[in-house]
Amino acid sequence: MLKGFRDFIMKGNVVDLAVAVVIGAAFGAVVTALVDNILMPLIAALVGKPSFDDVLRFTINGSEIAVGAFLTALVNFLLIAAAVYFALVLPMNKATEMLNRRRGISEEEEEAEADPQLALLEQIRDELKALR
């Protein structure tokens, strides 16, 4: 019983998942610092702080409905997502593309090397077809 548990814990995907959670938490702190200290002040300087908190605010049977607060959160999310994309994702993609060009790796080669399990599954499929 303990051997089975040990084998489960030591599987690569469980360890990879644990590492991904730790790295994700650390990266989340970096992204939060970037957004709070650099991107949001820049966005506020350019367009002002978007606030729709007082728009579509009404009360039904003593419960306050604040649609504007949701709109503010949605606009902030979209602004932050765009800023993170243009400040982090796009430059990283360009840098990776440049490195691959310098190394002489094309996108097809990279995709072919990326998943050896797919090649194995294709080989198994072909051999099963040959048995029929």
N, C-alpha and C. Protein backbone atom coordinates (compact mmCIF):
# COMPACT_ATOMS: atom_id res chain seq x y z
N MET A 1 0.83 -1.19 0.00
CA MET A 1 0.00 0.00 0.00
C MET A 1 0.87 1.26 0.00
N LEU A 2 1.88 1.32 0.85
CA LEU A 2 2.77 2.48 0.88
C LEU A 2 3.64 2.54 -0.37
N LYS A 3 3.98 1.37 -0.92
CA LYS A 3 4.78 1.36 -2.15
C LYS A 3 3.99 2.00 -3.29
N GLY A 4 2.70 1.68 -3.38
CA GLY A 4 1.86 2.28 -4.41
C GLY A 4 1.76 3.79 -4.25
N PHE A 5 1.62 4.25 -3.00
CA PHE A 5 1.57 5.70 -2.74
C PHE A 5 2.89 6.36 -3.12
N ARG A 6 4.01 5.71 -2.74
CA ARG A 6 5.32 6.25 -3.08
C ARG A 6 5.50 6.33 -4.60
N ASP A 7 5.08 5.29 -5.31
CA ASP A 7 5.20 5.30 -6.77
C ASP A 7 4.36 6.42 -7.37
N PHE A 8 3.16 6.63 -6.81
CA PHE A 8 2.30 7.71 -7.30
C PHE A 8 2.96 9.07 -7.09
N ILE A 9 3.49 9.30 -5.90
CA ILE A 9 4.10 10.59 -5.58
C ILE A 9 5.35 10.84 -6.42
N MET A 10 6.08 9.79 -6.73
CA MET A 10 7.34 9.95 -7.45
C MET A 10 7.15 9.99 -8.96
N LYS A 11 5.92 9.86 -9.44
CA LYS A 11 5.69 9.99 -10.88
C LYS A 11 6.11 11.38 -11.32
N GLY A 12 6.60 11.45 -12.54
CA GLY A 12 7.09 12.73 -13.06
C GLY A 12 6.04 13.81 -13.10
N ASN A 13 4.80 13.45 -13.45
CA ASN A 13 3.80 14.49 -13.60
C ASN A 13 3.40 15.12 -12.26
N VAL A 14 3.46 14.36 -11.16
CA VAL A 14 3.14 14.93 -9.85
C VAL A 14 4.23 15.90 -9.42
N VAL A 15 5.47 15.50 -9.62
CA VAL A 15 6.61 16.37 -9.27
C VAL A 15 6.61 17.61 -10.16
N ASP A 16 6.36 17.43 -11.46
CA ASP A 16 6.29 18.57 -12.38
C ASP A 16 5.19 19.54 -11.97
N LEU A 17 4.06 19.00 -11.57
CA LEU A 17 2.96 19.85 -11.14
C LEU A 17 3.32 20.64 -9.89
N ALA A 18 3.99 20.00 -8.95
CA ALA A 18 4.40 20.71 -7.73
C ALA A 18 5.39 21.83 -8.06
N VAL A 19 6.33 21.55 -8.94
CA VAL A 19 7.29 22.58 -9.34
C VAL A 19 6.57 23.72 -10.06
N ALA A 20 5.61 23.38 -10.92
CA ALA A 20 4.87 24.40 -11.65
C ALA A 20 4.09 25.31 -10.70
N VAL A 21 3.51 24.75 -9.65
CA VAL A 21 2.75 25.55 -8.68
C VAL A 21 3.68 26.53 -7.97
N VAL A 22 4.85 26.06 -7.55
CA VAL A 22 5.80 26.92 -6.84
C VAL A 22 6.30 28.03 -7.77
N ILE A 23 6.69 27.66 -8.98
CA ILE A 23 7.18 28.66 -9.94
C ILE A 23 6.06 29.63 -10.31
N GLY A 24 4.84 29.11 -10.47
CA GLY A 24 3.70 29.97 -10.79
C GLY A 24 3.44 30.99 -9.70
N ALA A 25 3.55 30.57 -8.45
CA ALA A 25 3.35 31.51 -7.34
C ALA A 25 4.42 32.58 -7.34
N ALA A 26 5.66 32.18 -7.57
CA ALA A 26 6.75 33.16 -7.61
C ALA A 26 6.58 34.10 -8.79
N PHE A 27 6.21 33.56 -9.93
CA PHE A 27 6.01 34.41 -11.11
C PHE A 27 4.82 35.33 -10.92
N GLY A 28 3.79 34.85 -10.21
CA GLY A 28 2.64 35.69 -9.92
C GLY A 28 3.03 36.92 -9.13
N ALA A 29 3.96 36.76 -8.20
CA ALA A 29 4.44 37.91 -7.42
C ALA A 29 5.17 38.91 -8.33
N VAL A 30 5.94 38.39 -9.29
CA VAL A 30 6.66 39.26 -10.22
C VAL A 30 5.67 40.03 -11.10
N VAL A 31 4.68 39.33 -11.63
CA VAL A 31 3.68 39.98 -12.49
C VAL A 31 2.88 41.00 -11.68
N THR A 32 2.51 40.67 -10.45
CA THR A 32 1.78 41.61 -9.61
C THR A 32 2.60 42.87 -9.36
N ALA A 33 3.88 42.71 -9.07
CA ALA A 33 4.74 43.87 -8.85
C ALA A 33 4.86 44.71 -10.13
N LEU A 34 4.99 44.04 -11.27
CA LEU A 34 5.09 44.76 -12.54
C LEU A 34 3.80 45.55 -12.80
N VAL A 35 2.67 44.91 -12.61
CA VAL A 35 1.39 45.55 -12.90
C VAL A 35 1.13 46.69 -11.92
N ASP A 36 1.31 46.44 -10.61
CA ASP A 36 0.99 47.45 -9.60
C ASP A 36 1.95 48.64 -9.62
N ASN A 37 3.22 48.41 -9.89
CA ASN A 37 4.22 49.46 -9.75
C ASN A 37 4.66 50.13 -11.05
N ILE A 38 4.41 49.47 -12.17
CA ILE A 38 4.86 50.04 -13.44
C ILE A 38 3.69 50.24 -14.41
N LEU A 39 2.97 49.15 -14.71
CA LEU A 39 1.97 49.23 -15.76
C LEU A 39 0.76 50.07 -15.38
N MET A 40 0.18 49.82 -14.19
CA MET A 40 -1.01 50.59 -13.80
C MET A 40 -0.72 52.08 -13.65
N PRO A 41 0.42 52.49 -13.07
CA PRO A 41 0.69 53.93 -13.06
C PRO A 41 0.83 54.52 -14.47
N LEU A 42 1.42 53.74 -15.41
CA LEU A 42 1.52 54.22 -16.79
C LEU A 42 0.14 54.33 -17.44
N ILE A 43 -0.70 53.32 -17.22
CA ILE A 43 -2.06 53.36 -17.77
C ILE A 43 -2.85 54.51 -17.17
N ALA A 44 -2.72 54.71 -15.87
CA ALA A 44 -3.42 55.81 -15.21
C ALA A 44 -2.94 57.16 -15.73
N ALA A 45 -1.64 57.26 -16.04
CA ALA A 45 -1.10 58.51 -16.58
C ALA A 45 -1.64 58.78 -17.98
N LEU A 46 -1.85 57.70 -18.76
CA LEU A 46 -2.31 57.88 -20.14
C LEU A 46 -3.82 58.09 -20.24
N VAL A 47 -4.60 57.25 -19.58
CA VAL A 47 -6.05 57.30 -19.76
C VAL A 47 -6.80 57.65 -18.49
N GLY A 48 -6.11 57.83 -17.41
CA GLY A 48 -6.79 58.07 -16.14
C GLY A 48 -7.26 56.75 -15.56
N LYS A 49 -7.66 56.75 -14.32
CA LYS A 49 -8.12 55.52 -13.70
C LYS A 49 -9.56 55.26 -14.13
N PRO A 50 -9.76 54.15 -14.86
CA PRO A 50 -11.13 53.88 -15.28
C PRO A 50 -11.99 53.43 -14.10
N SER A 51 -13.06 54.17 -13.86
CA SER A 51 -13.94 53.80 -12.76
C SER A 51 -15.39 54.00 -13.18
N PHE A 52 -16.11 52.89 -13.22
CA PHE A 52 -17.53 52.93 -13.54
C PHE A 52 -18.34 52.50 -12.33
N ASP A 53 -17.78 52.66 -11.13
CA ASP A 53 -18.40 52.16 -9.92
C ASP A 53 -19.79 52.73 -9.67
N ASP A 54 -20.05 53.96 -10.08
CA ASP A 54 -21.35 54.58 -9.82
C ASP A 54 -22.34 54.39 -10.96
N VAL A 55 -21.94 53.73 -12.03
CA VAL A 55 -22.82 53.49 -13.17
C VAL A 55 -23.68 52.27 -12.88
N LEU A 56 -24.94 52.33 -13.19
CA LEU A 56 -25.89 51.22 -13.02
C LEU A 56 -25.87 50.63 -11.61
N ARG A 57 -25.98 51.51 -10.64
CA ARG A 57 -26.06 51.07 -9.23
C ARG A 57 -27.50 51.26 -8.77
N PHE A 58 -28.11 50.16 -8.32
CA PHE A 58 -29.49 50.24 -7.87
C PHE A 58 -29.73 49.22 -6.77
N THR A 59 -30.87 49.38 -6.08
CA THR A 59 -31.20 48.52 -4.94
C THR A 59 -32.52 47.80 -5.22
N ILE A 60 -32.51 46.50 -4.95
CA ILE A 60 -33.72 45.68 -5.09
C ILE A 60 -33.92 44.94 -3.77
N ASN A 61 -35.04 45.20 -3.09
CA ASN A 61 -35.37 44.55 -1.82
C ASN A 61 -34.22 44.61 -0.80
N GLY A 62 -33.57 45.75 -0.72
CA GLY A 62 -32.51 45.94 0.26
C GLY A 62 -31.15 45.43 -0.18
N SER A 63 -31.06 44.81 -1.35
CA SER A 63 -29.77 44.34 -1.88
C SER A 63 -29.28 45.30 -2.95
N GLU A 64 -28.03 45.79 -2.76
CA GLU A 64 -27.48 46.74 -3.71
C GLU A 64 -26.83 45.99 -4.86
N ILE A 65 -27.21 46.34 -6.07
CA ILE A 65 -26.66 45.77 -7.30
C ILE A 65 -25.73 46.81 -7.90
N ALA A 66 -24.44 46.46 -8.06
CA ALA A 66 -23.45 47.40 -8.58
C ALA A 66 -22.84 46.85 -9.86
N VAL A 67 -23.54 47.05 -10.96
CA VAL A 67 -23.06 46.59 -12.26
C VAL A 67 -21.80 47.37 -12.65
N GLY A 68 -21.73 48.61 -12.28
CA GLY A 68 -20.57 49.44 -12.61
C GLY A 68 -19.28 48.91 -12.00
N ALA A 69 -19.35 48.36 -10.80
CA ALA A 69 -18.14 47.79 -10.19
C ALA A 69 -17.62 46.63 -11.02
N PHE A 70 -18.54 45.82 -11.56
CA PHE A 70 -18.13 44.73 -12.45
C PHE A 70 -17.50 45.29 -13.71
N LEU A 71 -18.09 46.34 -14.28
CA LEU A 71 -17.52 46.96 -15.48
C LEU A 71 -16.12 47.50 -15.21
N THR A 72 -15.92 48.11 -14.05
CA THR A 72 -14.59 48.61 -13.69
C THR A 72 -13.58 47.47 -13.62
N ALA A 73 -13.96 46.37 -12.97
CA ALA A 73 -13.07 45.22 -12.88
C ALA A 73 -12.77 44.64 -14.26
N LEU A 74 -13.77 44.60 -15.13
CA LEU A 74 -13.58 44.07 -16.48
C LEU A 74 -12.64 44.94 -17.30
N VAL A 75 -12.84 46.25 -17.25
CA VAL A 75 -11.96 47.17 -17.99
C VAL A 75 -10.55 47.09 -17.44
N ASN A 76 -10.39 47.05 -16.11
CA ASN A 76 -9.05 46.92 -15.53
C ASN A 76 -8.37 45.63 -15.98
N PHE A 77 -9.14 44.53 -15.98
CA PHE A 77 -8.58 43.26 -16.44
C PHE A 77 -8.10 43.35 -17.88
N LEU A 78 -8.92 43.92 -18.74
CA LEU A 78 -8.54 44.03 -20.15
C LEU A 78 -7.31 44.92 -20.34
N LEU A 79 -7.24 46.03 -19.60
CA LEU A 79 -6.08 46.91 -19.69
C LEU A 79 -4.82 46.21 -19.19
N ILE A 80 -4.93 45.50 -18.07
CA ILE A 80 -3.78 44.78 -17.52
C ILE A 80 -3.36 43.65 -18.45
N ALA A 81 -4.33 42.90 -18.99
CA ALA A 81 -4.01 41.80 -19.90
C ALA A 81 -3.29 42.33 -21.14
N ALA A 82 -3.77 43.43 -21.69
CA ALA A 82 -3.11 44.02 -22.86
C ALA A 82 -1.70 44.49 -22.52
N ALA A 83 -1.55 45.14 -21.38
CA ALA A 83 -0.24 45.62 -20.98
C ALA A 83 0.74 44.47 -20.74
N VAL A 84 0.30 43.41 -20.07
CA VAL A 84 1.17 42.24 -19.84
C VAL A 84 1.52 41.58 -21.16
N TYR A 85 0.55 41.48 -22.07
CA TYR A 85 0.84 40.88 -23.37
C TYR A 85 1.91 41.67 -24.11
N PHE A 86 1.73 42.99 -24.20
CA PHE A 86 2.66 43.79 -24.96
C PHE A 86 3.99 44.01 -24.24
N ALA A 87 3.99 43.95 -22.91
CA ALA A 87 5.23 44.18 -22.16
C ALA A 87 6.01 42.90 -21.89
N LEU A 88 5.33 41.74 -21.80
CA LEU A 88 6.01 40.49 -21.46
C LEU A 88 5.94 39.44 -22.57
N VAL A 89 4.73 39.10 -22.98
CA VAL A 89 4.54 37.97 -23.88
C VAL A 89 5.13 38.24 -25.26
N LEU A 90 4.77 39.35 -25.86
CA LEU A 90 5.25 39.68 -27.19
C LEU A 90 6.78 39.77 -27.26
N PRO A 91 7.45 40.50 -26.35
CA PRO A 91 8.91 40.52 -26.39
C PRO A 91 9.54 39.15 -26.16
N MET A 92 8.95 38.32 -25.29
CA MET A 92 9.50 36.97 -25.07
C MET A 92 9.36 36.12 -26.33
N ASN A 93 8.23 36.22 -27.01
CA ASN A 93 8.05 35.47 -28.25
C ASN A 93 9.04 35.91 -29.31
N LYS A 94 9.27 37.20 -29.43
CA LYS A 94 10.23 37.72 -30.40
C LYS A 94 11.65 37.26 -30.06
N ALA A 95 11.99 37.30 -28.76
CA ALA A 95 13.33 36.87 -28.35
C ALA A 95 13.53 35.38 -28.62
N THR A 96 12.52 34.56 -28.35
CA THR A 96 12.61 33.13 -28.63
C THR A 96 12.75 32.88 -30.11
N GLU A 97 11.99 33.61 -30.91
CA GLU A 97 12.06 33.46 -32.37
C GLU A 97 13.45 33.83 -32.87
N MET A 98 14.03 34.91 -32.35
CA MET A 98 15.38 35.32 -32.77
C MET A 98 16.41 34.27 -32.36
N LEU A 99 16.31 33.73 -31.15
CA LEU A 99 17.24 32.70 -30.72
C LEU A 99 17.13 31.46 -31.59
N ASN A 100 15.92 31.07 -31.93
CA ASN A 100 15.74 29.90 -32.78
C ASN A 100 16.31 30.13 -34.17
N ARG A 101 16.16 31.35 -34.69
CA ARG A 101 16.75 31.65 -36.00
C ARG A 101 18.27 31.59 -35.93
N ARG A 102 18.86 32.10 -34.86
CA ARG A 102 20.32 32.05 -34.71
C ARG A 102 20.82 30.62 -34.60
N ARG A 103 20.03 29.77 -33.94
CA ARG A 103 20.41 28.37 -33.79
C ARG A 103 20.08 27.56 -35.04
N GLY A 104 19.30 28.13 -35.93
CA GLY A 104 18.93 27.42 -37.15
C GLY A 104 17.80 26.44 -36.95
N ILE A 105 16.97 26.69 -35.95
CA ILE A 105 15.84 25.80 -35.67
C ILE A 105 14.59 26.41 -36.28
N SER A 106 13.95 25.66 -37.18
CA SER A 106 12.70 26.15 -37.75
C SER A 106 11.54 25.74 -36.84
N GLU A 107 10.38 26.32 -37.08
CA GLU A 107 9.22 26.00 -36.25
C GLU A 107 8.79 24.56 -36.43
N GLU A 108 8.92 24.01 -37.65
CA GLU A 108 8.54 22.62 -37.87
C GLU A 108 9.44 21.68 -37.08
N GLU A 109 10.75 21.95 -37.07
CA GLU A 109 11.67 21.11 -36.31
C GLU A 109 11.37 21.19 -34.83
N GLU A 110 11.05 22.38 -34.35
CA GLU A 110 10.76 22.56 -32.93
C GLU A 110 9.50 21.78 -32.55
N GLU A 111 8.47 21.82 -33.39
CA GLU A 111 7.24 21.08 -33.11
C GLU A 111 7.48 19.59 -33.17
N ALA A 112 8.30 19.14 -34.11
CA ALA A 112 8.58 17.71 -34.23
C ALA A 112 9.35 17.20 -33.02
N GLU A 113 10.27 18.00 -32.51
CA GLU A 113 11.04 17.61 -31.34
C GLU A 113 10.24 17.74 -30.05
N ALA A 114 9.20 18.55 -30.06
CA ALA A 114 8.49 18.89 -28.83
C ALA A 114 7.72 17.70 -28.25
N ASP A 115 7.22 16.77 -29.07
CA ASP A 115 6.37 15.72 -28.53
C ASP A 115 6.75 14.34 -29.06
N PRO A 116 7.71 13.68 -28.42
CA PRO A 116 8.09 12.34 -28.86
C PRO A 116 6.99 11.31 -28.60
N GLN A 117 6.11 11.58 -27.65
CA GLN A 117 5.01 10.66 -27.38
C GLN A 117 4.06 10.57 -28.56
N LEU A 118 3.89 11.69 -29.26
CA LEU A 118 3.02 11.69 -30.42
C LEU A 118 3.58 10.77 -31.51
N ALA A 119 4.89 10.83 -31.72
CA ALA A 119 5.51 9.95 -32.70
C ALA A 119 5.34 8.48 -32.31
N LEU A 120 5.48 8.18 -31.04
CA LEU A 120 5.30 6.81 -30.57
C LEU A 120 3.86 6.34 -30.77
N LEU A 121 2.90 7.20 -30.47
CA LEU A 121 1.50 6.85 -30.67
C LEU A 121 1.19 6.63 -32.14
N GLU A 122 1.78 7.43 -33.01
CA GLU A 122 1.57 7.24 -34.45
C GLU A 122 2.16 5.91 -34.91
N GLN A 123 3.31 5.55 -34.37
CA GLN A 123 3.94 4.28 -34.71
C GLN A 123 3.06 3.11 -34.25
N ILE A 124 2.52 3.20 -33.05
CA ILE A 124 1.64 2.15 -32.53
C ILE A 124 0.39 2.04 -33.40
N ARG A 125 -0.18 3.18 -33.78
CA ARG A 125 -1.37 3.19 -34.63
C ARG A 125 -1.08 2.50 -35.97
N ASP A 126 0.07 2.82 -36.57
CA ASP A 126 0.43 2.23 -37.86
C ASP A 126 0.62 0.73 -37.75
N GLU A 127 1.23 0.27 -36.66
CA GLU A 127 1.44 -1.17 -36.49
C GLU A 127 0.14 -1.89 -36.23
N LEU A 128 -0.80 -1.25 -35.52
CA LEU A 128 -2.11 -1.86 -35.31
C LEU A 128 -2.87 -1.97 -36.63
N LYS A 129 -2.75 -0.96 -37.49
CA LYS A 129 -3.39 -1.03 -38.80
C LYS A 129 -2.79 -2.16 -39.63
N ALA A 130 -1.50 -2.38 -39.51
CA ALA A 130 -0.83 -3.44 -40.28
C ALA A 130 -1.28 -4.81 -39.81
N LEU A 131 -1.68 -4.96 -38.55
CA LEU A 131 -2.13 -6.25 -38.04
C LEU A 131 -3.50 -6.65 -38.57
N ARG A 132 -4.30 -5.71 -38.97
CA ARG A 132 -5.66 -6.00 -39.45
C ARG A 132 -5.66 -6.67 -40.75
